[in-house]
Amino acid sequence: MDYNTSRPLLIFKEYGRNIQKLVDYAVSVEDIEKREAVAEYIIGLMGQMNPHLKNVEQFRHKLWDHLFKISKYKLEVESPYPILEPEDVPEVPKLSYPKSNLRFKHYGKNVETLIEKAISMEDEPEKQQAFARVIGNYMKMVYKNWNQEHVDDHTIREDLKILSKGRLELGEDSNLDRLSRSNKNKGKKKNDYKSSKSGGRHKGHSNNYRSSGRSNSGGYSRNNNRNNNRNNNNNNNNYRKKRY
């Protein structure tokens, strides 16, 4: 079996392996006229993958550049565009991904950055302590959001001490629920606003219902009056006939 792992790597995966095989074949053709005909045929196949750009001049230049790069610049044919030399081709930049080993991943990198900032405030102990309390509040909020469970202040204080290597400590009387309470209040206000809107709609429906009820009752009373008047008129006419 011929597996992809044993085949040469594709230089441009978007063109596929068949295009790469055709380019290798074109390099091996000795007749210059036939070689150029094969190269033109390959350019046509490559352009078919983006037919709406096939006649764009800049796109065709790009195809010829790709053709020479796939051949590893071994293809000797006449090109309608300047041929790039291998040393003129810009290298693909290598991306460096951040590498950091987080002690507590649920707190995230931002908490460790804040702790480093707080440690650098050793010359201002009051400001450092206030900043440490803010960090503790944020850690408790993040912990609840991540784990969806209650956490006591003692755990947060110990984690802060571990992350700061003992350089930041919070007292037993530190209040670490400010951010959590503010979030709860926001959610409560939002729910109250929704309930007030829904209540207003219900009141409107009830008022409409009552008003429709009044109009209907008025309609019934008018109909009854009309019927009574008709009956009275009929009785008077019958009385007159009997009399005369």
C-alpha atoms as a PDB file:
ATOM      1  CA  MET A   1       0.000   0.000   0.000  1.00  0.00           C
ATOM      2  CA  ASP A   2       1.138   3.525  -0.824  1.00  0.00           C
ATOM      3  CA  TYR A   3       0.408   5.686   2.211  1.00  0.00           C
ATOM      4  CA  ASN A   4       0.565   9.482   2.335  1.00  0.00           C
ATOM      5  CA  THR A   5       3.104   9.244   5.138  1.00  0.00           C
ATOM      6  CA  SER A   6       5.583   7.627   2.726  1.00  0.00           C
ATOM      7  CA  ARG A   7       4.966  10.184  -0.053  1.00  0.00           C
ATOM      8  CA  PRO A   8       6.804  13.501  -0.400  1.00  0.00           C
ATOM      9  CA  LEU A   9       5.253  16.466   1.393  1.00  0.00           C
ATOM     10  CA  LEU A  10       2.873  18.683  -0.549  1.00  0.00           C
ATOM     11  CA  ILE A  11       4.242  22.168  -1.103  1.00  0.00           C
ATOM     12  CA  PHE A  12       0.746  23.617  -1.732  1.00  0.00           C
ATOM     13  CA  LYS A  13      -1.994  21.440  -0.295  1.00  0.00           C
ATOM     14  CA  GLU A  14      -4.739  23.449  -1.993  1.00  0.00           C
ATOM     15  CA  TYR A  15      -3.624  22.188  -5.429  1.00  0.00           C
ATOM     16  CA  GLY A  16      -3.499  18.541  -4.419  1.00  0.00           C
ATOM     17  CA  ARG A  17      -1.036  15.746  -5.138  1.00  0.00           C
ATOM     18  CA  ASN A  18      -1.972  15.307  -8.794  1.00  0.00           C
ATOM     19  CA  ILE A  19      -0.803  18.828  -9.657  1.00  0.00           C
ATOM     20  CA  GLN A  20       2.471  18.134  -7.888  1.00  0.00           C
ATOM     21  CA  LYS A  21       2.918  14.918  -9.886  1.00  0.00           C
ATOM     22  CA  LEU A  22       2.244  16.784 -13.128  1.00  0.00           C
ATOM     23  CA  VAL A  23       4.850  19.383 -12.218  1.00  0.00           C
ATOM     24  CA  ASP A  24       7.391  16.622 -11.510  1.00  0.00           C
ATOM     25  CA  TYR A  25       6.545  15.136 -14.907  1.00  0.00           C
ATOM     26  CA  ALA A  26       7.011  18.531 -16.602  1.00  0.00           C
ATOM     27  CA  VAL A  27      10.476  18.842 -15.054  1.00  0.00           C
ATOM     28  CA  SER A  28      11.427  15.455 -16.510  1.00  0.00           C
ATOM     29  CA  VAL A  29      10.308  16.311 -20.090  1.00  0.00           C
ATOM     30  CA  GLU A  30      13.350  16.900 -22.299  1.00  0.00           C
ATOM     31  CA  ASP A  31      11.656  18.535 -25.288  1.00  0.00           C
ATOM     32  CA  ILE A  32      11.390  22.274 -24.560  1.00  0.00           C
ATOM     33  CA  GLU A  33       8.223  22.809 -26.632  1.00  0.00           C
ATOM     34  CA  LYS A  34       6.437  19.879 -25.047  1.00  0.00           C
ATOM     35  CA  ARG A  35       7.618  21.019 -21.599  1.00  0.00           C
ATOM     36  CA  GLU A  36       6.180  24.494 -22.124  1.00  0.00           C
ATOM     37  CA  ALA A  37       2.894  22.996 -23.364  1.00  0.00           C
ATOM     38  CA  VAL A  38       2.679  20.855 -20.218  1.00  0.00           C
ATOM     39  CA  ALA A  39       3.413  23.912 -18.061  1.00  0.00           C
ATOM     40  CA  GLU A  40       0.609  25.895 -19.744  1.00  0.00           C
ATOM     41  CA  TYR A  41      -1.739  22.944 -19.215  1.00  0.00           C
ATOM     42  CA  ILE A  42      -0.835  22.798 -15.515  1.00  0.00           C
ATOM     43  CA  ILE A  43      -1.454  26.553 -15.150  1.00  0.00           C
ATOM     44  CA  GLY A  44      -4.919  26.042 -16.671  1.00  0.00           C
ATOM     45  CA  LEU A  45      -5.709  23.260 -14.192  1.00  0.00           C
ATOM     46  CA  MET A  46      -4.522  25.373 -11.277  1.00  0.00           C
ATOM     47  CA  GLY A  47      -6.692  28.280 -12.473  1.00  0.00           C
ATOM     48  CA  GLN A  48      -9.785  26.063 -12.646  1.00  0.00           C
ATOM     49  CA  MET A  49      -9.760  25.829  -8.862  1.00  0.00           C
ATOM     50  CA  ASN A  50     -10.648  29.546  -8.799  1.00  0.00           C
ATOM     51  CA  PRO A  51     -12.417  30.123 -12.130  1.00  0.00           C
ATOM     52  CA  HIS A  52     -13.597  33.644 -11.254  1.00  0.00           C
ATOM     53  CA  LEU A  53      -9.938  34.732 -10.952  1.00  0.00           C
ATOM     54  CA  LYS A  54      -8.602  32.812 -13.945  1.00  0.00           C
ATOM     55  CA  ASN A  55      -8.288  35.874 -16.200  1.00  0.00           C
ATOM     56  CA  VAL A  56      -7.047  38.305 -13.550  1.00  0.00           C
ATOM     57  CA  GLU A  57      -3.484  39.301 -14.384  1.00  0.00           C
ATOM     58  CA  GLN A  58      -2.251  39.359 -10.798  1.00  0.00           C
ATOM     59  CA  PHE A  59      -3.771  35.940 -10.142  1.00  0.00           C
ATOM     60  CA  ARG A  60      -2.051  34.388 -13.175  1.00  0.00           C
ATOM     61  CA  HIS A  61       1.260  35.822 -11.993  1.00  0.00           C
ATOM     62  CA  LYS A  62       0.646  34.129  -8.653  1.00  0.00           C
ATOM     63  CA  LEU A  63      -0.043  30.796 -10.386  1.00  0.00           C
ATOM     64  CA  TRP A  64       3.267  30.927 -12.265  1.00  0.00           C
ATOM     65  CA  ASP A  65       5.112  31.720  -9.035  1.00  0.00           C
ATOM     66  CA  HIS A  66       3.462  28.714  -7.394  1.00  0.00           C
ATOM     67  CA  LEU A  67       4.316  26.512 -10.370  1.00  0.00           C
ATOM     68  CA  PHE A  68       8.027  27.256 -10.060  1.00  0.00           C
ATOM     69  CA  LYS A  69       7.923  26.834  -6.302  1.00  0.00           C
ATOM     70  CA  ILE A  70       6.233  23.405  -6.596  1.00  0.00           C
ATOM     71  CA  SER A  71       9.003  22.349  -8.998  1.00  0.00           C
ATOM     72  CA  LYS A  72      11.566  23.594  -6.472  1.00  0.00           C
ATOM     73  CA  TYR A  73      12.726  25.988  -9.211  1.00  0.00           C
ATOM     74  CA  LYS A  74      13.889  23.096 -11.421  1.00  0.00           C
ATOM     75  CA  LEU A  75      11.310  23.743 -14.182  1.00  0.00           C
ATOM     76  CA  GLU A  76      12.993  25.455 -17.154  1.00  0.00           C
ATOM     77  CA  VAL A  77      10.274  27.136 -19.226  1.00  0.00           C
ATOM     78  CA  GLU A  78       9.575  30.625 -20.519  1.00  0.00           C
ATOM     79  CA  SER A  79       7.304  32.552 -18.174  1.00  0.00           C
ATOM     80  CA  PRO A  80       5.260  35.657 -19.087  1.00  0.00           C
ATOM     81  CA  TYR A  81       6.272  37.111 -15.728  1.00  0.00           C
ATOM     82  CA  PRO A  82       9.613  37.660 -13.982  1.00  0.00           C
ATOM     83  CA  ILE A  83      10.798  34.444 -12.358  1.00  0.00           C
ATOM     84  CA  LEU A  84      11.629  34.689  -8.699  1.00  0.00           C
ATOM     85  CA  GLU A  85      14.884  33.224  -7.524  1.00  0.00           C
ATOM     86  CA  PRO A  86      14.782  30.949  -4.457  1.00  0.00           C
ATOM     87  CA  GLU A  87      16.663  33.501  -2.366  1.00  0.00           C
ATOM     88  CA  ASP A  88      14.088  36.207  -3.263  1.00  0.00           C
ATOM     89  CA  VAL A  89      11.145  34.234  -1.907  1.00  0.00           C
ATOM     90  CA  PRO A  90      10.152  35.563   1.544  1.00  0.00           C
ATOM     91  CA  GLU A  91      10.260  33.009   4.319  1.00  0.00           C
ATOM     92  CA  VAL A  92       7.139  32.160   6.244  1.00  0.00           C
ATOM     93  CA  PRO A  93       7.428  33.764   9.689  1.00  0.00           C
ATOM     94  CA  LYS A  94       7.583  31.353  12.587  1.00  0.00           C
ATOM     95  CA  LEU A  95       5.033  32.052  15.265  1.00  0.00           C
ATOM     96  CA  SER A  96       6.109  31.756  18.857  1.00  0.00           C
ATOM     97  CA  TYR A  97       3.293  30.669  21.131  1.00  0.00           C
ATOM     98  CA  PRO A  98       3.308  31.727  24.779  1.00  0.00           C
ATOM     99  CA  LYS A  99       4.552  29.041  27.119  1.00  0.00           C
ATOM    100  CA  SER A 100       3.531  29.405  30.720  1.00  0.00           C
ATOM    101  CA  ASN A 101       2.822  26.854  33.398  1.00  0.00           C
ATOM    102  CA  LEU A 102      -0.113  28.135  35.418  1.00  0.00           C
ATOM    103  CA  ARG A 103      -0.251  26.933  39.006  1.00  0.00           C
ATOM    104  CA  PHE A 104      -4.050  27.338  39.169  1.00  0.00           C
ATOM    105  CA  LYS A 105      -5.504  27.349  35.652  1.00  0.00           C
ATOM    106  CA  HIS A 106      -8.993  28.372  36.769  1.00  0.00           C
ATOM    107  CA  TYR A 107      -7.665  31.775  37.839  1.00  0.00           C
ATOM    108  CA  GLY A 108      -5.987  32.416  34.493  1.00  0.00           C
ATOM    109  CA  LYS A 109      -2.894  34.329  33.475  1.00  0.00           C
ATOM    110  CA  ASN A 110      -4.372  37.719  34.369  1.00  0.00           C
ATOM    111  CA  VAL A 111      -4.402  36.901  38.087  1.00  0.00           C
ATOM    112  CA  GLU A 112      -0.709  36.012  38.060  1.00  0.00           C
ATOM    113  CA  THR A 113       0.035  39.256  36.217  1.00  0.00           C
ATOM    114  CA  LEU A 114      -1.913  41.235  38.817  1.00  0.00           C
ATOM    115  CA  ILE A 115      -0.064  39.479  41.636  1.00  0.00           C
ATOM    116  CA  GLU A 116       3.296  40.396  40.093  1.00  0.00           C
ATOM    117  CA  LYS A 117       2.111  43.999  39.874  1.00  0.00           C
ATOM    118  CA  ALA A 118       1.054  43.961  43.528  1.00  0.00           C
ATOM    119  CA  ILE A 119       4.388  42.480  44.639  1.00  0.00           C
ATOM    120  CA  SER A 120       6.197  45.368  42.954  1.00  0.00           C
ATOM    121  CA  MET A 121       4.375  47.813  45.286  1.00  0.00           C
ATOM    122  CA  GLU A 122       6.472  46.940  48.324  1.00  0.00           C
ATOM    123  CA  ASP A 123       7.352  50.603  48.848  1.00  0.00           C
ATOM    124  CA  GLU A 124       3.642  51.430  49.302  1.00  0.00           C
ATOM    125  CA  PRO A 125       2.289  48.867  51.796  1.00  0.00           C
ATOM    126  CA  GLU A 126      -1.184  50.421  52.115  1.00  0.00           C
ATOM    127  CA  LYS A 127      -1.670  50.569  48.355  1.00  0.00           C
ATOM    128  CA  GLN A 128      -0.297  47.033  48.044  1.00  0.00           C
ATOM    129  CA  GLN A 129      -2.750  45.709  50.640  1.00  0.00           C
ATOM    130  CA  ALA A 130      -5.690  47.419  48.943  1.00  0.00           C
ATOM    131  CA  PHE A 131      -4.631  45.989  45.596  1.00  0.00           C
ATOM    132  CA  ALA A 132      -4.295  42.527  47.161  1.00  0.00           C
ATOM    133  CA  ARG A 133      -7.896  42.753  48.407  1.00  0.00           C
ATOM    134  CA  VAL A 134      -9.046  43.616  44.883  1.00  0.00           C
ATOM    135  CA  ILE A 135      -7.155  40.584  43.564  1.00  0.00           C
ATOM    136  CA  GLY A 136      -8.749  38.379  46.228  1.00  0.00           C
ATOM    137  CA  ASN A 137     -12.224  39.614  45.243  1.00  0.00           C
ATOM    138  CA  TYR A 138     -11.499  38.893  41.594  1.00  0.00           C
ATOM    139  CA  MET A 139     -10.116  35.431  42.388  1.00  0.00           C
ATOM    140  CA  LYS A 140     -13.261  34.500  44.296  1.00  0.00           C
ATOM    141  CA  MET A 141     -15.501  35.701  41.463  1.00  0.00           C
ATOM    142  CA  VAL A 142     -13.469  33.761  38.864  1.00  0.00           C
ATOM    143  CA  TYR A 143     -13.483  30.647  41.045  1.00  0.00           C
ATOM    144  CA  LYS A 144     -17.297  30.727  41.318  1.00  0.00           C
ATOM    145  CA  ASN A 145     -17.737  31.300  37.591  1.00  0.00           C
ATOM    146  CA  TRP A 146     -15.386  28.442  36.748  1.00  0.00           C
ATOM    147  CA  ASN A 147     -16.496  25.808  39.237  1.00  0.00           C
ATOM    148  CA  GLN A 148     -20.118  26.914  39.736  1.00  0.00           C
ATOM    149  CA  GLU A 149     -19.844  26.216  43.442  1.00  0.00           C
ATOM    150  CA  HIS A 150     -19.282  28.047  46.712  1.00  0.00           C
ATOM    151  CA  VAL A 151     -15.764  28.723  47.925  1.00  0.00           C
ATOM    152  CA  ASP A 152     -14.771  30.032  51.324  1.00  0.00           C
ATOM    153  CA  ASP A 153     -12.476  33.016  51.864  1.00  0.00           C
ATOM    154  CA  HIS A 154      -9.847  30.842  53.524  1.00  0.00           C
ATOM    155  CA  THR A 155      -9.215  28.963  50.261  1.00  0.00           C
ATOM    156  CA  ILE A 156      -8.797  32.218  48.339  1.00  0.00           C
ATOM    157  CA  ARG A 157      -6.394  33.609  50.926  1.00  0.00           C
ATOM    158  CA  GLU A 158      -4.276  30.457  50.822  1.00  0.00           C
ATOM    159  CA  ASP A 159      -4.209  30.400  47.002  1.00  0.00           C
ATOM    160  CA  LEU A 160      -3.156  34.049  46.923  1.00  0.00           C
ATOM    161  CA  LYS A 161      -0.389  33.299  49.400  1.00  0.00           C
ATOM    162  CA  ILE A 162       0.834  30.375  47.281  1.00  0.00           C
ATOM    163  CA  LEU A 163       0.758  32.315  44.005  1.00  0.00           C
ATOM    164  CA  SER A 164       2.623  35.262  45.535  1.00  0.00           C
ATOM    165  CA  LYS A 165       5.106  32.934  47.289  1.00  0.00           C
ATOM    166  CA  GLY A 166       4.091  34.295  50.677  1.00  0.00           C
ATOM    167  CA  ARG A 167       4.570  37.956  49.780  1.00  0.00           C
ATOM    168  CA  LEU A 168       0.858  38.833  49.722  1.00  0.00           C
ATOM    169  CA  GLU A 169      -1.430  37.944  52.614  1.00  0.00           C
ATOM    170  CA  LEU A 170      -4.993  38.947  53.399  1.00  0.00           C
ATOM    171  CA  GLY A 171      -6.365  39.309  56.900  1.00  0.00           C
ATOM    172  CA  GLU A 172      -9.178  37.216  58.313  1.00  0.00           C
ATOM    173  CA  ASP A 173     -11.476  40.254  58.227  1.00  0.00           C
ATOM    174  CA  SER A 174     -11.016  40.863  54.491  1.00  0.00           C
ATOM    175  CA  ASN A 175     -14.298  41.040  52.583  1.00  0.00           C
ATOM    176  CA  LEU A 176     -13.973  39.002  49.382  1.00  0.00           C
ATOM    177  CA  ASP A 177     -17.603  39.112  48.264  1.00  0.00           C
ATOM    178  CA  ARG A 178     -17.838  42.608  46.807  1.00  0.00           C
ATOM    179  CA  LEU A 179     -17.539  41.628  43.153  1.00  0.00           C
ATOM    180  CA  SER A 180     -19.852  38.637  43.595  1.00  0.00           C
ATOM    181  CA  ARG A 181     -22.483  40.782  45.310  1.00  0.00           C
ATOM    182  CA  SER A 182     -22.266  43.457  42.622  1.00  0.00           C
ATOM    183  CA  ASN A 183     -22.864  40.808  39.952  1.00  0.00           C
ATOM    184  CA  LYS A 184     -25.826  39.456  41.880  1.00  0.00           C
ATOM    185  CA  ASN A 185     -27.299  42.948  42.214  1.00  0.00           C
ATOM    186  CA  LYS A 186     -26.938  43.497  38.484  1.00  0.00           C
ATOM    187  CA  GLY A 187     -28.720  40.222  37.788  1.00  0.00           C
ATOM    188  CA  LYS A 188     -31.436  41.092  40.312  1.00  0.00           C
ATOM    189  CA  LYS A 189     -32.035  44.517  38.746  1.00  0.00           C
ATOM    190  CA  LYS A 190     -32.241  42.912  35.332  1.00  0.00           C
ATOM    191  CA  ASN A 191     -34.807  40.365  36.530  1.00  0.00           C
ATOM    192  CA  ASP A 192     -36.823  43.088  38.287  1.00  0.00           C
ATOM    193  CA  TYR A 193     -36.882  45.102  35.096  1.00  0.00           C
ATOM    194  CA  LYS A 194     -38.132  42.100  33.102  1.00  0.00           C
ATOM    195  CA  SER A 195     -40.805  41.278  35.680  1.00  0.00           C
ATOM    196  CA  SER A 196     -41.997  44.903  35.743  1.00  0.00           C
ATOM    197  CA  LYS A 197     -42.326  44.888  31.956  1.00  0.00           C
ATOM    198  CA  SER A 198     -44.220  41.603  31.969  1.00  0.00           C
ATOM    199  CA  GLY A 199     -46.457  42.871  34.799  1.00  0.00           C
ATOM    200  CA  GLY A 200     -47.271  45.978  32.796  1.00  0.00           C
ATOM    201  CA  ARG A 201     -48.315  43.862  29.872  1.00  0.00           C
ATOM    202  CA  HIS A 202     -50.624  41.781  32.062  1.00  0.00           C
ATOM    203  CA  LYS A 203     -52.205  44.915  33.510  1.00  0.00           C
ATOM    204  CA  GLY A 204     -52.787  46.239  30.045  1.00  0.00           C
ATOM    205  CA  HIS A 205     -54.509  43.029  29.021  1.00  0.00           C
ATOM    206  CA  SER A 206     -56.741  43.096  32.082  1.00  0.00           C
ATOM    207  CA  ASN A 207     -57.712  46.730  31.474  1.00  0.00           C
ATOM    208  CA  ASN A 208     -58.532  45.966  27.862  1.00  0.00           C
ATOM    209  CA  TYR A 209     -60.615  43.033  29.009  1.00  0.00           C
ATOM    210  CA  ARG A 210     -62.513  45.198  31.476  1.00  0.00           C
ATOM    211  CA  SER A 211     -63.086  47.939  28.965  1.00  0.00           C
ATOM    212  CA  SER A 212     -64.334  45.397  26.422  1.00  0.00           C
ATOM    213  CA  GLY A 213     -66.645  44.009  29.089  1.00  0.00           C
ATOM    214  CA  ARG A 214     -68.110  47.466  29.712  1.00  0.00           C
ATOM    215  CA  SER A 215     -68.655  48.076  26.043  1.00  0.00           C
ATOM    216  CA  ASN A 216     -70.339  44.706  25.676  1.00  0.00           C
ATOM    217  CA  SER A 217     -72.638  45.345  28.636  1.00  0.00           C
ATOM    218  CA  GLY A 218     -73.544  48.720  27.154  1.00  0.00           C
ATOM    219  CA  GLY A 219     -74.394  47.008  23.888  1.00  0.00           C
ATOM    220  CA  TYR A 220     -76.656  44.511  25.632  1.00  0.00           C
ATOM    221  CA  SER A 221     -78.534  47.301  27.467  1.00  0.00           C
ATOM    222  CA  ARG A 222     -79.174  49.208  24.248  1.00  0.00           C
ATOM    223  CA  ASN A 223     -80.550  46.086  22.578  1.00  0.00           C
ATOM    224  CA  ASN A 224     -82.874  45.433  25.518  1.00  0.00           C
ATOM    225  CA  ASN A 225     -84.254  48.992  25.355  1.00  0.00           C
ATOM    226  CA  ARG A 226     -84.962  48.609  21.670  1.00  0.00           C
ATOM    227  CA  ASN A 227     -86.861  45.358  22.248  1.00  0.00           C
ATOM    228  CA  ASN A 228     -88.929  46.913  25.030  1.00  0.00           C
ATOM    229  CA  ASN A 229     -89.874  49.853  22.829  1.00  0.00           C
ATOM    230  CA  ARG A 230     -90.987  47.525  20.054  1.00  0.00           C
ATOM    231  CA  ASN A 231     -93.136  45.509  22.475  1.00  0.00           C
ATOM    232  CA  ASN A 232     -94.787  48.672  23.793  1.00  0.00           C
ATOM    233  CA  ASN A 233     -95.575  49.865  20.304  1.00  0.00           C
ATOM    234  CA  ASN A 234     -97.132  46.500  19.380  1.00  0.00           C
ATOM    235  CA  ASN A 235     -99.291  46.531  22.529  1.00  0.00           C
ATOM    236  CA  ASN A 236    -100.573  50.029  21.768  1.00  0.00           C
ATOM    237  CA  ASN A 237    -101.477  49.051  18.201  1.00  0.00           C
ATOM    238  CA  ASN A 238    -103.390  45.967  19.411  1.00  0.00           C
ATOM    239  CA  TYR A 239    -105.316  48.082  21.946  1.00  0.00           C
ATOM    240  CA  ARG A 240    -106.376  50.554  19.282  1.00  0.00           C
ATOM    241  CA  LYS A 241    -107.639  47.786  16.977  1.00  0.00           C
ATOM    242  CA  LYS A 242    -109.806  46.287  19.703  1.00  0.00           C
ATOM    243  CA  ARG A 243    -111.225  49.666  20.660  1.00  0.00           C
ATOM    244  CA  TYR A 244    -112.295  50.544  17.143  1.00  0.00           C
END
